[in-house]
């Protein structure tokens, strides 16, 4: 696992923990909690492109945070 992939996995794990402890229950609350958490975790840095937050259609499940590993080019 590359350093950027490991960093993305760490951010994803922290984001999941933040969302579960945020108290958010509605979709807008979850979206806002996600924005606040990412701003807190990353500051002004860009969200790693490997991270995707998948919001559930119903509120019977928590959002899913997915990390897609980067493709390693031959140059790396």
PDB file of N, CA and C in Angstrom:
ATOM      1  N   UNK A   1       0.852  -1.168   0.000  1.00  0.00           N
ATOM      2  CA  UNK A   1       0.000   0.000   0.000  1.00  0.00           C
ATOM      3  C   UNK A   1       0.900   1.235   0.000  1.00  0.00           C
ATOM      4  N   UNK A   2       0.598   2.160  -0.891  1.00  0.00           N
ATOM      5  CA  UNK A   2       1.404   3.373  -0.985  1.00  0.00           C
ATOM      6  C   UNK A   2       1.050   4.335   0.149  1.00  0.00           C
ATOM      7  N   UNK A   3       1.920   5.307   0.373  1.00  0.00           N
ATOM      8  CA  UNK A   3       1.655   6.307   1.418  1.00  0.00           C
ATOM      9  C   UNK A   3       0.348   7.070   1.175  1.00  0.00           C
ATOM     10  N   UNK A   4       0.078   7.523  -0.085  1.00  0.00           N
ATOM     11  CA  UNK A   4      -1.200   8.212  -0.307  1.00  0.00           C
ATOM     12  C   UNK A   4      -2.408   7.312  -0.035  1.00  0.00           C
ATOM     13  N   UNK A   5      -2.304   6.027  -0.384  1.00  0.00           N
ATOM     14  CA  UNK A   5      -3.414   5.106  -0.119  1.00  0.00           C
ATOM     15  C   UNK A   5      -3.592   4.887   1.377  1.00  0.00           C
ATOM     16  N   UNK A   6      -2.502   4.756   2.095  1.00  0.00           N
ATOM     17  CA  UNK A   6      -2.570   4.578   3.549  1.00  0.00           C
ATOM     18  C   UNK A   6      -3.177   5.821   4.201  1.00  0.00           C
ATOM     19  N   UNK A   7      -2.790   6.999   3.715  1.00  0.00           N
ATOM     20  CA  UNK A   7      -3.338   8.254   4.229  1.00  0.00           C
ATOM     21  C   UNK A   7      -4.846   8.304   3.979  1.00  0.00           C
ATOM     22  N   UNK A   8      -5.280   7.933   2.776  1.00  0.00           N
ATOM     23  CA  UNK A   8      -6.706   7.938   2.443  1.00  0.00           C
ATOM     24  C   UNK A   8      -7.471   6.961   3.338  1.00  0.00           C
ATOM     25  N   UNK A   9      -6.902   5.802   3.603  1.00  0.00           N
ATOM     26  CA  UNK A   9      -7.550   4.815   4.483  1.00  0.00           C
ATOM     27  C   UNK A   9      -7.684   5.358   5.903  1.00  0.00           C
ATOM     28  N   UNK A  10      -6.660   6.040   6.375  1.00  0.00           N
ATOM     29  CA  UNK A  10      -6.697   6.619   7.723  1.00  0.00           C
ATOM     30  C   UNK A  10      -7.769   7.710   7.817  1.00  0.00           C
ATOM     31  N   UNK A  11      -7.825   8.580   6.815  1.00  0.00           N
ATOM     32  CA  UNK A  11      -8.841   9.641   6.792  1.00  0.00           C
ATOM     33  C   UNK A  11     -10.235   9.014   6.743  1.00  0.00           C
ATOM     34  N   UNK A  12     -10.409   7.970   5.937  1.00  0.00           N
ATOM     35  CA  UNK A  12     -11.708   7.302   5.833  1.00  0.00           C
ATOM     36  C   UNK A  12     -12.133   6.716   7.179  1.00  0.00           C
ATOM     37  N   UNK A  13     -11.215   6.078   7.878  1.00  0.00           N
ATOM     38  CA  UNK A  13     -11.537   5.487   9.185  1.00  0.00           C
ATOM     39  C   UNK A  13     -11.938   6.571  10.191  1.00  0.00           C
ATOM     40  N   UNK A  14     -11.215   7.674  10.192  1.00  0.00           N
ATOM     41  CA  UNK A  14     -11.549   8.775  11.102  1.00  0.00           C
ATOM     42  C   UNK A  14     -12.886   9.412  10.730  1.00  0.00           C
ATOM     43  N   UNK A  15     -13.148   9.518   9.434  1.00  0.00           N
ATOM     44  CA  UNK A  15     -14.415  10.080   8.970  1.00  0.00           C
ATOM     45  C   UNK A  15     -15.589   9.214   9.422  1.00  0.00           C
ATOM     46  N   UNK A  16     -15.465   7.902   9.294  1.00  0.00           N
ATOM     47  CA  UNK A  16     -16.526   6.995   9.744  1.00  0.00           C
ATOM     48  C   UNK A  16     -16.786   7.189  11.239  1.00  0.00           C
ATOM     49  N   UNK A  17     -15.727   7.248  12.023  1.00  0.00           N
ATOM     50  CA  UNK A  17     -15.880   7.438  13.473  1.00  0.00           C
ATOM     51  C   UNK A  17     -16.566   8.769  13.775  1.00  0.00           C
ATOM     52  N   UNK A  18     -16.157   9.823  13.076  1.00  0.00           N
ATOM     53  CA  UNK A  18     -16.781  11.135  13.283  1.00  0.00           C
ATOM     54  C   UNK A  18     -18.267  11.105  12.941  1.00  0.00           C
ATOM     55  N   UNK A  19     -18.620  10.468  11.830  1.00  0.00           N
ATOM     56  CA  UNK A  19     -20.025  10.419  11.421  1.00  0.00           C
ATOM     57  C   UNK A  19     -20.872   9.669  12.438  1.00  0.00           C
ATOM     58  N   UNK A  20     -20.345   8.576  12.954  1.00  0.00           N
ATOM     59  CA  UNK A  20     -21.117   7.771  13.906  1.00  0.00           C
ATOM     60  C   UNK A  20     -21.298   8.470  15.250  1.00  0.00           C
ATOM     61  N   UNK A  21     -20.390   9.362  15.602  1.00  0.00           N
ATOM     62  CA  UNK A  21     -20.499  10.066  16.883  1.00  0.00           C
ATOM     63  C   UNK A  21     -21.064  11.476  16.731  1.00  0.00           C
ATOM     64  N   UNK A  22     -21.432  11.854  15.511  1.00  0.00           N
ATOM     65  CA  UNK A  22     -21.881  13.222  15.251  1.00  0.00           C
ATOM     66  C   UNK A  22     -23.288  13.513  15.767  1.00  0.00           C
ATOM     67  N   UNK A  23     -24.094  12.488  15.925  1.00  0.00           N
ATOM     68  CA  UNK A  23     -25.484  12.709  16.309  1.00  0.00           C
ATOM     69  C   UNK A  23     -26.383  13.015  15.124  1.00  0.00           C
ATOM     70  N   UNK A  24     -25.815  13.049  13.917  1.00  0.00           N
ATOM     71  CA  UNK A  24     -26.597  13.334  12.712  1.00  0.00           C
ATOM     72  C   UNK A  24     -27.563  12.188  12.439  1.00  0.00           C
ATOM     73  N   UNK A  25     -28.780  12.546  12.061  1.00  0.00           N
ATOM     74  CA  UNK A  25     -29.793  11.522  11.792  1.00  0.00           C
ATOM     75  C   UNK A  25     -30.460  11.690  10.432  1.00  0.00           C
ATOM     76  N   UNK A  26     -30.438  12.886   9.879  1.00  0.00           N
ATOM     77  CA  UNK A  26     -31.052  13.105   8.572  1.00  0.00           C
ATOM     78  C   UNK A  26     -29.957  13.238   7.525  1.00  0.00           C
ATOM     79  N   UNK A  27     -30.335  13.099   6.262  1.00  0.00           N
ATOM     80  CA  UNK A  27     -29.348  13.203   5.181  1.00  0.00           C
ATOM     81  C   UNK A  27     -28.612  14.556   5.207  1.00  0.00           C
ATOM     82  N   UNK A  28     -29.329  15.690   5.321  1.00  0.00           N
ATOM     83  CA  UNK A  28     -28.612  16.969   5.384  1.00  0.00           C
ATOM     84  C   UNK A  28     -27.657  17.049   6.588  1.00  0.00           C
ATOM     85  N   UNK A  29     -28.088  16.503   7.723  1.00  0.00           N
ATOM     86  CA  UNK A  29     -27.207  16.501   8.902  1.00  0.00           C
ATOM     87  C   UNK A  29     -25.964  15.650   8.650  1.00  0.00           C
ATOM     88  N   UNK A  30     -26.141  14.496   8.004  1.00  0.00           N
ATOM     89  CA  UNK A  30     -24.994  13.636   7.691  1.00  0.00           C
ATOM     90  C   UNK A  30     -24.039  14.312   6.714  1.00  0.00           C
ATOM     91  N   UNK A  31     -24.598  14.985   5.697  1.00  0.00           N
ATOM     92  CA  UNK A  31     -23.759  15.688   4.728  1.00  0.00           C
ATOM     93  C   UNK A  31     -22.963  16.797   5.410  1.00  0.00           C
ATOM     94  N   UNK A  32     -23.623  17.544   6.288  1.00  0.00           N
ATOM     95  CA  UNK A  32     -22.932  18.616   7.011  1.00  0.00           C
ATOM     96  C   UNK A  32     -21.875  18.045   7.952  1.00  0.00           C
ATOM     97  N   UNK A  33     -22.201  16.956   8.636  1.00  0.00           N
ATOM     98  CA  UNK A  33     -21.227  16.308   9.523  1.00  0.00           C
ATOM     99  C   UNK A  33     -20.013  15.829   8.732  1.00  0.00           C
ATOM    100  N   UNK A  34     -20.251  15.345   7.532  1.00  0.00           N
ATOM    101  CA  UNK A  34     -19.159  14.892   6.665  1.00  0.00           C
ATOM    102  C   UNK A  34     -18.263  16.074   6.285  1.00  0.00           C
ATOM    103  N   UNK A  35     -18.869  17.183   5.871  1.00  0.00           N
ATOM    104  CA  UNK A  35     -18.091  18.382   5.509  1.00  0.00           C
ATOM    105  C   UNK A  35     -17.277  18.888   6.703  1.00  0.00           C
ATOM    106  N   UNK A  36     -17.911  18.958   7.874  1.00  0.00           N
ATOM    107  CA  UNK A  36     -17.223  19.444   9.073  1.00  0.00           C
ATOM    108  C   UNK A  36     -16.067  18.527   9.432  1.00  0.00           C
ATOM    109  N   UNK A  37     -16.297  17.224   9.382  1.00  0.00           N
ATOM    110  CA  UNK A  37     -15.251  16.259   9.724  1.00  0.00           C
ATOM    111  C   UNK A  37     -14.069  16.373   8.770  1.00  0.00           C
ATOM    112  N   UNK A  38     -14.354  16.418   7.467  1.00  0.00           N
ATOM    113  CA  UNK A  38     -13.258  16.504   6.492  1.00  0.00           C
ATOM    114  C   UNK A  38     -12.484  17.810   6.651  1.00  0.00           C
ATOM    115  N   UNK A  39     -13.191  18.901   6.922  1.00  0.00           N
ATOM    116  CA  UNK A  39     -12.519  20.187   7.148  1.00  0.00           C
ATOM    117  C   UNK A  39     -11.631  20.099   8.387  1.00  0.00           C
ATOM    118  N   UNK A  40     -12.129  19.437   9.428  1.00  0.00           N
ATOM    119  CA  UNK A  40     -11.366  19.272  10.664  1.00  0.00           C
ATOM    120  C   UNK A  40     -10.141  18.378  10.454  1.00  0.00           C
ATOM    121  N   UNK A  41     -10.321  17.304   9.698  1.00  0.00           N
ATOM    122  CA  UNK A  41      -9.231  16.350   9.481  1.00  0.00           C
ATOM    123  C   UNK A  41      -8.176  16.859   8.507  1.00  0.00           C
ATOM    124  N   UNK A  42      -8.613  17.593   7.475  1.00  0.00           N
ATOM    125  CA  UNK A  42      -7.700  17.961   6.391  1.00  0.00           C
ATOM    126  C   UNK A  42      -7.357  19.442   6.336  1.00  0.00           C
ATOM    127  N   UNK A  43      -8.084  20.272   7.063  1.00  0.00           N
ATOM    128  CA  UNK A  43      -7.845  21.707   6.962  1.00  0.00           C
ATOM    129  C   UNK A  43      -8.162  22.176   5.552  1.00  0.00           C
ATOM    130  N   UNK A  44      -7.226  22.890   4.945  1.00  0.00           N
ATOM    131  CA  UNK A  44      -7.423  23.396   3.587  1.00  0.00           C
ATOM    132  C   UNK A  44      -6.964  22.412   2.519  1.00  0.00           C
ATOM    133  N   UNK A  45      -6.412  21.278   2.942  1.00  0.00           N
ATOM    134  CA  UNK A  45      -5.933  20.293   1.968  1.00  0.00           C
ATOM    135  C   UNK A  45      -7.113  19.672   1.226  1.00  0.00           C
ATOM    136  N   UNK A  46      -6.835  19.226   0.017  1.00  0.00           N
ATOM    137  CA  UNK A  46      -7.850  18.573  -0.794  1.00  0.00           C
ATOM    138  C   UNK A  46      -8.186  17.193  -0.250  1.00  0.00           C
ATOM    139  N   UNK A  47      -9.432  16.800  -0.394  1.00  0.00           N
ATOM    140  CA  UNK A  47      -9.834  15.442  -0.012  1.00  0.00           C
ATOM    141  C   UNK A  47      -9.154  14.476  -0.982  1.00  0.00           C
ATOM    142  N   UNK A  48      -8.486  13.443  -0.472  1.00  0.00           N
ATOM    143  CA  UNK A  48      -7.849  12.485  -1.381  1.00  0.00           C
ATOM    144  C   UNK A  48      -8.864  11.934  -2.382  1.00  0.00           C
ATOM    145  N   UNK A  49      -8.458  11.873  -3.653  1.00  0.00           N
ATOM    146  CA  UNK A  49      -9.375  11.445  -4.710  1.00  0.00           C
ATOM    147  C   UNK A  49      -9.849  10.008  -4.542  1.00  0.00           C
ATOM    148  N   UNK A  50      -9.144   9.219  -3.755  1.00  0.00           N
ATOM    149  CA  UNK A  50      -9.523   7.821  -3.580  1.00  0.00           C
ATOM    150  C   UNK A  50     -10.738   7.656  -2.668  1.00  0.00           C
ATOM    151  N   UNK A  51     -11.130   8.712  -1.942  1.00  0.00           N
ATOM    152  CA  UNK A  51     -12.211   8.603  -0.959  1.00  0.00           C
ATOM    153  C   UNK A  51     -13.548   8.982  -1.589  1.00  0.00           C
ATOM    154  N   UNK A  52     -14.540   8.135  -1.367  1.00  0.00           N
ATOM    155  CA  UNK A  52     -15.915   8.431  -1.772  1.00  0.00           C
ATOM    156  C   UNK A  52     -16.820   8.137  -0.585  1.00  0.00           C
ATOM    157  N   UNK A  53     -17.767   9.023  -0.353  1.00  0.00           N
ATOM    158  CA  UNK A  53     -18.755   8.804   0.704  1.00  0.00           C
ATOM    159  C   UNK A  53     -20.073   8.481   0.010  1.00  0.00           C
ATOM    160  N   UNK A  54     -20.574   7.279   0.259  1.00  0.00           N
ATOM    161  CA  UNK A  54     -21.822   6.831  -0.355  1.00  0.00           C
ATOM    162  C   UNK A  54     -22.940   6.959   0.671  1.00  0.00           C
ATOM    163  N   UNK A  55     -23.872   7.851   0.391  1.00  0.00           N
ATOM    164  CA  UNK A  55     -24.989   8.069   1.309  1.00  0.00           C
ATOM    165  C   UNK A  55     -26.077   7.035   1.042  1.00  0.00           C
ATOM    166  N   UNK A  56     -26.642   6.449   2.093  1.00  0.00           N
ATOM    167  CA  UNK A  56     -27.712   5.470   1.900  1.00  0.00           C
ATOM    168  C   UNK A  56     -28.989   6.152   1.419  1.00  0.00           C
ATOM    169  N   UNK A  57     -29.815   5.399   0.721  1.00  0.00           N
ATOM    170  CA  UNK A  57     -31.093   5.949   0.261  1.00  0.00           C
ATOM    171  C   UNK A  57     -32.011   6.183   1.456  1.00  0.00           C
ATOM    172  N   UNK A  58     -32.108   5.194   2.323  1.00  0.00           N
ATOM    173  CA  UNK A  58     -32.890   5.350   3.545  1.00  0.00           C
ATOM    174  C   UNK A  58     -31.951   5.643   4.697  1.00  0.00           C
ATOM    175  N   UNK A  59     -32.505   5.936   5.831  1.00  0.00           N
ATOM    176  CA  UNK A  59     -31.655   6.232   6.981  1.00  0.00           C
ATOM    177  C   UNK A  59     -31.533   5.029   7.906  1.00  0.00           C
ATOM    178  N   UNK A  60     -31.748   3.834   7.338  1.00  0.00           N
ATOM    179  CA  UNK A  60     -31.619   2.624   8.141  1.00  0.00           C
ATOM    180  C   UNK A  60     -30.171   2.153   8.232  1.00  0.00           C
ATOM    181  N   UNK A  61     -29.280   2.802   7.480  1.00  0.00           N
ATOM    182  CA  UNK A  61     -27.854   2.445   7.507  1.00  0.00           C
ATOM    183  C   UNK A  61     -27.023   3.718   7.583  1.00  0.00           C
ATOM    184  N   UNK A  62     -25.769   3.552   8.011  1.00  0.00           N
ATOM    185  CA  UNK A  62     -24.822   4.662   8.030  1.00  0.00           C
ATOM    186  C   UNK A  62     -24.249   4.846   6.635  1.00  0.00           C
ATOM    187  N   UNK A  63     -23.760   6.049   6.310  1.00  0.00           N
ATOM    188  CA  UNK A  63     -23.063   6.221   5.037  1.00  0.00           C
ATOM    189  C   UNK A  63     -21.869   5.267   4.973  1.00  0.00           C
ATOM    190  N   UNK A  64     -21.511   4.913   3.773  1.00  0.00           N
ATOM    191  CA  UNK A  64     -20.367   4.028   3.562  1.00  0.00           C
ATOM    192  C   UNK A  64     -19.222   4.880   3.023  1.00  0.00           C
ATOM    193  N   UNK A  65     -18.041   4.732   3.600  1.00  0.00           N
ATOM    194  CA  UNK A  65     -16.864   5.445   3.119  1.00  0.00           C
ATOM    195  C   UNK A  65     -15.983   4.427   2.411  1.00  0.00           C
ATOM    196  N   UNK A  66     -15.717   4.682   1.135  1.00  0.00           N
ATOM    197  CA  UNK A  66     -14.976   3.744   0.301  1.00  0.00           C
ATOM    198  C   UNK A  66     -13.650   4.369  -0.105  1.00  0.00           C
ATOM    199  N   UNK A  67     -12.594   3.561  -0.060  1.00  0.00           N
ATOM    200  CA  UNK A  67     -11.281   4.017  -0.523  1.00  0.00           C
ATOM    201  C   UNK A  67     -10.885   3.148  -1.706  1.00  0.00           C
ATOM    202  N   UNK A  68     -10.709   3.779  -2.850  1.00  0.00           N
ATOM    203  CA  UNK A  68     -10.289   3.082  -4.066  1.00  0.00           C
ATOM    204  C   UNK A  68      -8.781   3.264  -4.210  1.00  0.00           C
ATOM    205  N   UNK A  69      -8.001   2.178  -4.180  1.00  0.00           N
ATOM    206  CA  UNK A  69      -6.546   2.319  -4.323  1.00  0.00           C
ATOM    207  C   UNK A  69      -6.187   2.985  -5.654  1.00  0.00           C
ATOM    208  N   UNK A  70      -5.149   3.793  -5.612  1.00  0.00           N
ATOM    209  CA  UNK A  70      -4.666   4.429  -6.839  1.00  0.00           C
ATOM    210  C   UNK A  70      -4.006   3.380  -7.711  1.00  0.00           C
ATOM    211  N   UNK A  71      -4.104   3.584  -9.010  1.00  0.00           N
ATOM    212  CA  UNK A  71      -3.386   2.712  -9.936  1.00  0.00           C
ATOM    213  C   UNK A  71      -1.926   3.144  -9.937  1.00  0.00           C
ATOM    214  N   UNK A  72      -1.031   2.195  -9.810  1.00  0.00           N
ATOM    215  CA  UNK A  72       0.394   2.510  -9.784  1.00  0.00           C
ATOM    216  C   UNK A  72       0.917   2.457 -11.207  1.00  0.00           C
ATOM    217  N   UNK A  73       1.489   3.568 -11.646  1.00  0.00           N
ATOM    218  CA  UNK A  73       2.056   3.596 -12.994  1.00  0.00           C
ATOM    219  C   UNK A  73       3.449   2.982 -12.968  1.00  0.00           C
ATOM    220  N   UNK A  74       3.959   2.678 -14.134  1.00  0.00           N
ATOM    221  CA  UNK A  74       5.288   2.079 -14.224  1.00  0.00           C
ATOM    222  C   UNK A  74       6.373   3.063 -13.799  1.00  0.00           C
ATOM    223  N   UNK A  75       6.048   4.360 -13.817  1.00  0.00           N
ATOM    224  CA  UNK A  75       7.030   5.388 -13.449  1.00  0.00           C
ATOM    225  C   UNK A  75       7.276   5.430 -11.953  1.00  0.00           C
ATOM    226  N   UNK A  76       6.332   4.926 -11.159  1.00  0.00           N
ATOM    227  CA  UNK A  76       6.462   5.025  -9.699  1.00  0.00           C
ATOM    228  C   UNK A  76       7.255   3.890  -9.133  1.00  0.00           C
TER     229      UNK A  76
END
